Amino acid sequence: MQETATYISIENLDAYKLAREYSRIAWQVYELMDWQTKKIMGDQTISSVDSVGANIAEGYGRFHYLDKIKFYYNARGSLIESKHWIDLLCERKIINDVQHNTLTELYKRISTCLNGLIKSQYMKKNNQP
């Protein structure tokens, strides 16, 4: 008897849900910035944060495992870039420790999920369960 693979919608994918939460919180921070801070750091922060979820979504929509992996790696790169900006925002006292800790915890959880997605695609490529 052959098992049928279950389909998980993107909205139910943990990495994507966490990335959307990461974007939501980052946007709340961004909205409170003055014009100059937005232009110097805010725009790059929100672009890198939003890129995480966008790359997860694009990779998830790809058929071939190598395409998926490429976009998941792009998401991971954007995630690491976003952490750079979030750390600078905290260092420069633009966000407080509570906001920094919340975003850092999401960063860690997304990182774990992304690594799991990447690993699962490599296992599928090698026909491993």
N, C-alpha and C. Protein backbone atom coordinates (compact mmCIF):
# COMPACT_ATOMS: atom_id res chain seq x y z
N MET A 1 0.85 -1.18 0.00
CA MET A 1 0.00 0.00 0.00
C MET A 1 0.89 1.24 0.00
N GLN A 2 0.62 2.14 -0.93
CA GLN A 2 1.44 3.34 -1.06
C GLN A 2 0.84 4.48 -0.25
N GLU A 3 1.74 5.18 0.50
CA GLU A 3 1.29 6.33 1.27
C GLU A 3 1.20 7.54 0.37
N THR A 4 0.20 8.34 0.61
CA THR A 4 0.09 9.58 -0.14
C THR A 4 0.68 10.70 0.70
N ALA A 5 1.48 11.53 0.05
CA ALA A 5 2.08 12.66 0.75
C ALA A 5 0.99 13.67 1.10
N THR A 6 1.09 14.22 2.29
CA THR A 6 0.14 15.25 2.68
C THR A 6 0.68 16.61 2.26
N TYR A 7 -0.20 17.45 1.80
CA TYR A 7 0.17 18.78 1.36
C TYR A 7 -0.06 19.76 2.49
N ILE A 8 0.95 20.53 2.78
CA ILE A 8 0.85 21.59 3.79
C ILE A 8 0.79 22.91 3.02
N SER A 9 -0.23 23.70 3.26
CA SER A 9 -0.32 25.00 2.59
C SER A 9 0.73 25.93 3.17
N ILE A 10 1.13 26.91 2.38
CA ILE A 10 2.15 27.85 2.83
C ILE A 10 1.73 28.54 4.13
N GLU A 11 0.44 28.81 4.27
CA GLU A 11 -0.05 29.48 5.48
C GLU A 11 0.13 28.63 6.73
N ASN A 12 0.31 27.32 6.56
CA ASN A 12 0.51 26.42 7.70
C ASN A 12 1.96 25.99 7.88
N LEU A 13 2.84 26.49 7.05
CA LEU A 13 4.26 26.17 7.15
C LEU A 13 4.87 27.02 8.27
N ASP A 14 5.47 26.37 9.27
CA ASP A 14 5.99 27.08 10.43
C ASP A 14 6.98 28.18 10.05
N ALA A 15 7.91 27.90 9.16
CA ALA A 15 8.91 28.90 8.77
C ALA A 15 8.23 30.14 8.20
N TYR A 16 7.21 29.95 7.40
CA TYR A 16 6.50 31.06 6.79
C TYR A 16 5.69 31.84 7.83
N LYS A 17 5.00 31.12 8.71
CA LYS A 17 4.22 31.79 9.75
C LYS A 17 5.13 32.65 10.64
N LEU A 18 6.28 32.10 11.00
CA LEU A 18 7.23 32.85 11.83
C LEU A 18 7.80 34.05 11.08
N ALA A 19 8.08 33.88 9.80
CA ALA A 19 8.61 34.99 8.99
C ALA A 19 7.57 36.12 8.90
N ARG A 20 6.30 35.77 8.79
CA ARG A 20 5.25 36.80 8.75
C ARG A 20 5.15 37.54 10.08
N GLU A 21 5.31 36.81 11.17
CA GLU A 21 5.30 37.44 12.50
C GLU A 21 6.52 38.38 12.64
N TYR A 22 7.65 37.93 12.18
CA TYR A 22 8.89 38.72 12.19
C TYR A 22 8.66 40.02 11.41
N SER A 23 8.04 39.94 10.25
CA SER A 23 7.74 41.12 9.44
C SER A 23 6.76 42.06 10.15
N ARG A 24 5.75 41.47 10.77
CA ARG A 24 4.74 42.28 11.45
C ARG A 24 5.37 43.11 12.57
N ILE A 25 6.21 42.49 13.37
CA ILE A 25 6.85 43.20 14.49
C ILE A 25 7.87 44.22 13.97
N ALA A 26 8.63 43.85 12.96
CA ALA A 26 9.60 44.79 12.37
C ALA A 26 8.89 46.00 11.79
N TRP A 27 7.73 45.80 11.20
CA TRP A 27 6.97 46.91 10.62
C TRP A 27 6.48 47.85 11.73
N GLN A 28 6.07 47.31 12.86
CA GLN A 28 5.65 48.15 13.98
C GLN A 28 6.81 49.04 14.44
N VAL A 29 8.01 48.49 14.47
CA VAL A 29 9.20 49.26 14.83
C VAL A 29 9.46 50.32 13.77
N TYR A 30 9.41 49.92 12.51
CA TYR A 30 9.68 50.83 11.39
C TYR A 30 8.74 52.03 11.39
N GLU A 31 7.46 51.78 11.64
CA GLU A 31 6.48 52.86 11.61
C GLU A 31 6.76 53.97 12.62
N LEU A 32 7.44 53.65 13.70
CA LEU A 32 7.73 54.63 14.75
C LEU A 32 9.02 55.42 14.49
N MET A 33 9.77 55.04 13.48
CA MET A 33 11.03 55.73 13.18
C MET A 33 10.76 57.07 12.52
N ASP A 34 11.66 58.02 12.78
CA ASP A 34 11.56 59.29 12.06
C ASP A 34 12.09 59.10 10.64
N TRP A 35 11.86 60.10 9.80
CA TRP A 35 12.19 59.99 8.38
C TRP A 35 13.66 59.65 8.17
N GLN A 36 14.56 60.32 8.87
CA GLN A 36 15.99 60.11 8.67
C GLN A 36 16.41 58.69 9.06
N THR A 37 15.92 58.20 10.17
CA THR A 37 16.25 56.85 10.61
C THR A 37 15.71 55.82 9.63
N LYS A 38 14.51 56.05 9.12
CA LYS A 38 13.95 55.14 8.11
C LYS A 38 14.86 55.06 6.89
N LYS A 39 15.34 56.21 6.44
CA LYS A 39 16.18 56.25 5.25
C LYS A 39 17.56 55.64 5.50
N ILE A 40 18.13 55.85 6.67
CA ILE A 40 19.48 55.35 6.95
C ILE A 40 19.48 53.86 7.27
N MET A 41 18.56 53.42 8.13
CA MET A 41 18.57 52.03 8.59
C MET A 41 17.25 51.30 8.41
N GLY A 42 16.17 52.01 8.55
CA GLY A 42 14.85 51.38 8.56
C GLY A 42 14.49 50.68 7.27
N ASP A 43 14.76 51.36 6.14
CA ASP A 43 14.41 50.76 4.85
C ASP A 43 15.16 49.45 4.61
N GLN A 44 16.44 49.43 4.97
CA GLN A 44 17.22 48.21 4.78
C GLN A 44 16.79 47.11 5.74
N THR A 45 16.42 47.51 6.95
CA THR A 45 15.93 46.54 7.93
C THR A 45 14.66 45.88 7.43
N ILE A 46 13.68 46.70 7.04
CA ILE A 46 12.39 46.14 6.64
C ILE A 46 12.52 45.35 5.35
N SER A 47 13.39 45.78 4.44
CA SER A 47 13.60 45.02 3.20
C SER A 47 14.17 43.64 3.49
N SER A 48 15.17 43.57 4.37
CA SER A 48 15.76 42.26 4.67
C SER A 48 14.78 41.37 5.43
N VAL A 49 14.03 41.95 6.35
CA VAL A 49 13.05 41.17 7.12
C VAL A 49 11.96 40.63 6.19
N ASP A 50 11.41 41.49 5.34
CA ASP A 50 10.34 41.06 4.44
C ASP A 50 10.83 40.06 3.40
N SER A 51 12.10 40.13 3.05
CA SER A 51 12.68 39.22 2.07
C SER A 51 12.71 37.77 2.58
N VAL A 52 12.76 37.60 3.89
CA VAL A 52 12.78 36.24 4.46
C VAL A 52 11.51 35.50 4.05
N GLY A 53 10.36 36.06 4.36
CA GLY A 53 9.09 35.41 4.03
C GLY A 53 8.87 35.30 2.53
N ALA A 54 9.28 36.33 1.79
CA ALA A 54 9.10 36.31 0.34
C ALA A 54 9.90 35.17 -0.29
N ASN A 55 11.12 34.96 0.16
CA ASN A 55 11.94 33.87 -0.39
C ASN A 55 11.44 32.50 0.04
N ILE A 56 10.93 32.39 1.25
CA ILE A 56 10.33 31.12 1.67
C ILE A 56 9.14 30.81 0.76
N ALA A 57 8.29 31.81 0.54
CA ALA A 57 7.11 31.61 -0.31
C ALA A 57 7.52 31.23 -1.73
N GLU A 58 8.50 31.94 -2.29
CA GLU A 58 8.90 31.63 -3.66
C GLU A 58 9.50 30.23 -3.75
N GLY A 59 10.34 29.88 -2.79
CA GLY A 59 10.92 28.54 -2.79
C GLY A 59 9.86 27.46 -2.63
N TYR A 60 8.90 27.73 -1.77
CA TYR A 60 7.84 26.76 -1.53
C TYR A 60 7.01 26.51 -2.79
N GLY A 61 6.90 27.54 -3.61
CA GLY A 61 6.12 27.41 -4.83
C GLY A 61 6.87 26.77 -5.99
N ARG A 62 8.15 26.51 -5.81
CA ARG A 62 8.94 25.88 -6.88
C ARG A 62 8.75 24.38 -6.86
N PHE A 63 8.86 23.77 -8.03
CA PHE A 63 8.64 22.33 -8.14
C PHE A 63 9.90 21.53 -7.83
N HIS A 64 11.02 21.94 -8.36
CA HIS A 64 12.24 21.17 -8.25
C HIS A 64 12.97 21.47 -6.94
N TYR A 65 13.50 20.45 -6.31
CA TYR A 65 14.15 20.61 -5.01
C TYR A 65 15.31 21.60 -5.05
N LEU A 66 16.08 21.64 -6.15
CA LEU A 66 17.20 22.59 -6.22
C LEU A 66 16.71 24.03 -6.27
N ASP A 67 15.60 24.27 -6.94
CA ASP A 67 15.00 25.61 -6.93
C ASP A 67 14.56 25.98 -5.52
N LYS A 68 13.90 25.05 -4.85
CA LYS A 68 13.46 25.29 -3.48
C LYS A 68 14.65 25.64 -2.59
N ILE A 69 15.69 24.83 -2.66
CA ILE A 69 16.86 25.04 -1.81
C ILE A 69 17.48 26.41 -2.05
N LYS A 70 17.57 26.81 -3.31
CA LYS A 70 18.16 28.12 -3.65
C LYS A 70 17.41 29.25 -2.94
N PHE A 71 16.09 29.22 -2.99
CA PHE A 71 15.31 30.27 -2.36
C PHE A 71 15.35 30.18 -0.83
N TYR A 72 15.43 28.97 -0.30
CA TYR A 72 15.56 28.84 1.16
C TYR A 72 16.91 29.38 1.63
N TYR A 73 17.95 29.17 0.83
CA TYR A 73 19.25 29.78 1.15
C TYR A 73 19.18 31.30 1.06
N ASN A 74 18.48 31.82 0.06
CA ASN A 74 18.29 33.27 -0.04
C ASN A 74 17.56 33.80 1.19
N ALA A 75 16.55 33.07 1.64
CA ALA A 75 15.81 33.47 2.85
C ALA A 75 16.75 33.50 4.05
N ARG A 76 17.61 32.50 4.14
CA ARG A 76 18.55 32.45 5.26
C ARG A 76 19.54 33.62 5.21
N GLY A 77 19.99 33.97 4.00
CA GLY A 77 20.88 35.12 3.86
C GLY A 77 20.19 36.41 4.29
N SER A 78 18.96 36.58 3.88
CA SER A 78 18.20 37.77 4.28
C SER A 78 17.95 37.78 5.78
N LEU A 79 17.72 36.61 6.35
CA LEU A 79 17.51 36.51 7.79
C LEU A 79 18.75 36.97 8.54
N ILE A 80 19.91 36.53 8.11
CA ILE A 80 21.16 36.93 8.76
C ILE A 80 21.40 38.43 8.58
N GLU A 81 21.10 38.95 7.39
CA GLU A 81 21.23 40.40 7.18
C GLU A 81 20.29 41.15 8.12
N SER A 82 19.06 40.67 8.25
CA SER A 82 18.10 41.37 9.12
C SER A 82 18.60 41.40 10.57
N LYS A 83 19.25 40.33 11.00
CA LYS A 83 19.79 40.30 12.38
C LYS A 83 20.85 41.36 12.55
N HIS A 84 21.66 41.59 11.53
CA HIS A 84 22.67 42.65 11.56
C HIS A 84 21.99 44.00 11.83
N TRP A 85 20.93 44.29 11.06
CA TRP A 85 20.25 45.57 11.22
C TRP A 85 19.55 45.68 12.56
N ILE A 86 18.93 44.61 13.00
CA ILE A 86 18.23 44.63 14.29
C ILE A 86 19.22 44.86 15.44
N ASP A 87 20.38 44.22 15.35
CA ASP A 87 21.41 44.44 16.38
C ASP A 87 21.88 45.90 16.38
N LEU A 88 22.05 46.48 15.19
CA LEU A 88 22.46 47.89 15.11
C LEU A 88 21.37 48.81 15.67
N LEU A 89 20.11 48.50 15.38
CA LEU A 89 19.02 49.31 15.92
C LEU A 89 19.03 49.30 17.45
N CYS A 90 19.33 48.18 18.03
CA CYS A 90 19.41 48.08 19.48
C CYS A 90 20.65 48.82 20.00
N GLU A 91 21.78 48.58 19.37
CA GLU A 91 23.03 49.22 19.76
C GLU A 91 22.91 50.75 19.75
N ARG A 92 22.17 51.26 18.77
CA ARG A 92 22.01 52.71 18.63
C ARG A 92 20.77 53.24 19.36
N LYS A 93 20.18 52.38 20.17
CA LYS A 93 19.05 52.73 21.04
C LYS A 93 17.81 53.19 20.27
N ILE A 94 17.62 52.63 19.09
CA ILE A 94 16.44 52.92 18.30
C ILE A 94 15.32 51.96 18.69
N ILE A 95 15.70 50.75 19.08
CA ILE A 95 14.74 49.81 19.67
C ILE A 95 15.22 49.46 21.07
N ASN A 96 14.29 49.06 21.91
CA ASN A 96 14.66 48.72 23.29
C ASN A 96 15.01 47.22 23.39
N ASP A 97 15.46 46.83 24.57
CA ASP A 97 15.89 45.44 24.78
C ASP A 97 14.75 44.44 24.61
N VAL A 98 13.55 44.81 24.98
CA VAL A 98 12.41 43.90 24.84
C VAL A 98 12.14 43.64 23.35
N GLN A 99 12.12 44.70 22.54
CA GLN A 99 11.92 44.54 21.10
C GLN A 99 13.05 43.72 20.49
N HIS A 100 14.27 44.03 20.90
CA HIS A 100 15.44 43.30 20.38
C HIS A 100 15.35 41.82 20.73
N ASN A 101 15.01 41.52 21.97
CA ASN A 101 14.90 40.12 22.40
C ASN A 101 13.78 39.39 21.67
N THR A 102 12.65 40.04 21.45
CA THR A 102 11.53 39.44 20.73
C THR A 102 11.94 39.10 19.30
N LEU A 103 12.57 40.07 18.62
CA LEU A 103 13.00 39.84 17.24
C LEU A 103 14.11 38.79 17.17
N THR A 104 15.01 38.79 18.14
CA THR A 104 16.10 37.82 18.16
C THR A 104 15.56 36.40 18.38
N GLU A 105 14.57 36.27 19.24
CA GLU A 105 13.96 34.94 19.46
C GLU A 105 13.28 34.44 18.19
N LEU A 106 12.58 35.31 17.49
CA LEU A 106 11.98 34.92 16.21
C LEU A 106 13.05 34.56 15.20
N TYR A 107 14.12 35.33 15.15
CA TYR A 107 15.25 35.04 14.27
C TYR A 107 15.75 33.60 14.49
N LYS A 108 15.94 33.23 15.74
CA LYS A 108 16.45 31.89 16.07
C LYS A 108 15.46 30.81 15.62
N ARG A 109 14.18 31.03 15.86
CA ARG A 109 13.17 30.04 15.49
C ARG A 109 13.07 29.90 13.97
N ILE A 110 13.12 31.02 13.26
CA ILE A 110 13.07 30.98 11.79
C ILE A 110 14.30 30.26 11.26
N SER A 111 15.45 30.55 11.83
CA SER A 111 16.69 29.92 11.39
C SER A 111 16.60 28.40 11.51
N THR A 112 16.09 27.93 12.62
CA THR A 112 15.93 26.49 12.83
C THR A 112 14.98 25.89 11.79
N CYS A 113 13.86 26.57 11.55
CA CYS A 113 12.89 26.08 10.56
C CYS A 113 13.48 26.07 9.15
N LEU A 114 14.21 27.13 8.79
CA LEU A 114 14.82 27.18 7.46
C LEU A 114 15.83 26.07 7.27
N ASN A 115 16.64 25.84 8.28
CA ASN A 115 17.61 24.74 8.19
C ASN A 115 16.90 23.41 8.02
N GLY A 116 15.75 23.25 8.67
CA GLY A 116 14.96 22.03 8.51
C GLY A 116 14.39 21.90 7.10
N LEU A 117 13.93 23.02 6.53
CA LEU A 117 13.42 22.99 5.16
C LEU A 117 14.52 22.61 4.17
N ILE A 118 15.69 23.20 4.36
CA ILE A 118 16.82 22.91 3.47
C ILE A 118 17.20 21.43 3.59
N LYS A 119 17.31 20.95 4.81
CA LYS A 119 17.67 19.54 5.03
C LYS A 119 16.63 18.60 4.42
N SER A 120 15.36 18.94 4.56
CA SER A 120 14.31 18.06 4.02
C SER A 120 14.39 17.99 2.50
N GLN A 121 14.76 19.08 1.85
CA GLN A 121 14.88 19.06 0.39
C GLN A 121 16.07 18.21 -0.05
N TYR A 122 17.17 18.29 0.69
CA TYR A 122 18.32 17.44 0.37
C TYR A 122 17.97 15.97 0.58
N MET A 123 17.17 15.68 1.61
CA MET A 123 16.78 14.29 1.85
C MET A 123 15.87 13.79 0.73
N LYS A 124 14.96 14.63 0.25
CA LYS A 124 14.10 14.25 -0.87
C LYS A 124 14.94 14.00 -2.13
N LYS A 125 15.92 14.85 -2.34
CA LYS A 125 16.81 14.71 -3.50
C LYS A 125 17.50 13.35 -3.47
N ASN A 126 17.88 12.92 -2.30
CA ASN A 126 18.60 11.64 -2.14
C ASN A 126 17.67 10.47 -1.82
N ASN A 127 16.37 10.69 -2.02
CA ASN A 127 15.36 9.64 -1.78
C ASN A 127 15.41 9.08 -0.37
N GLN A 128 15.65 9.93 0.60
CA GLN A 128 15.66 9.49 1.99
C GLN A 128 14.34 9.91 2.63
N PRO A 129 13.81 9.07 3.51
CA PRO A 129 12.52 9.41 4.14
C PRO A 129 12.64 10.54 5.15
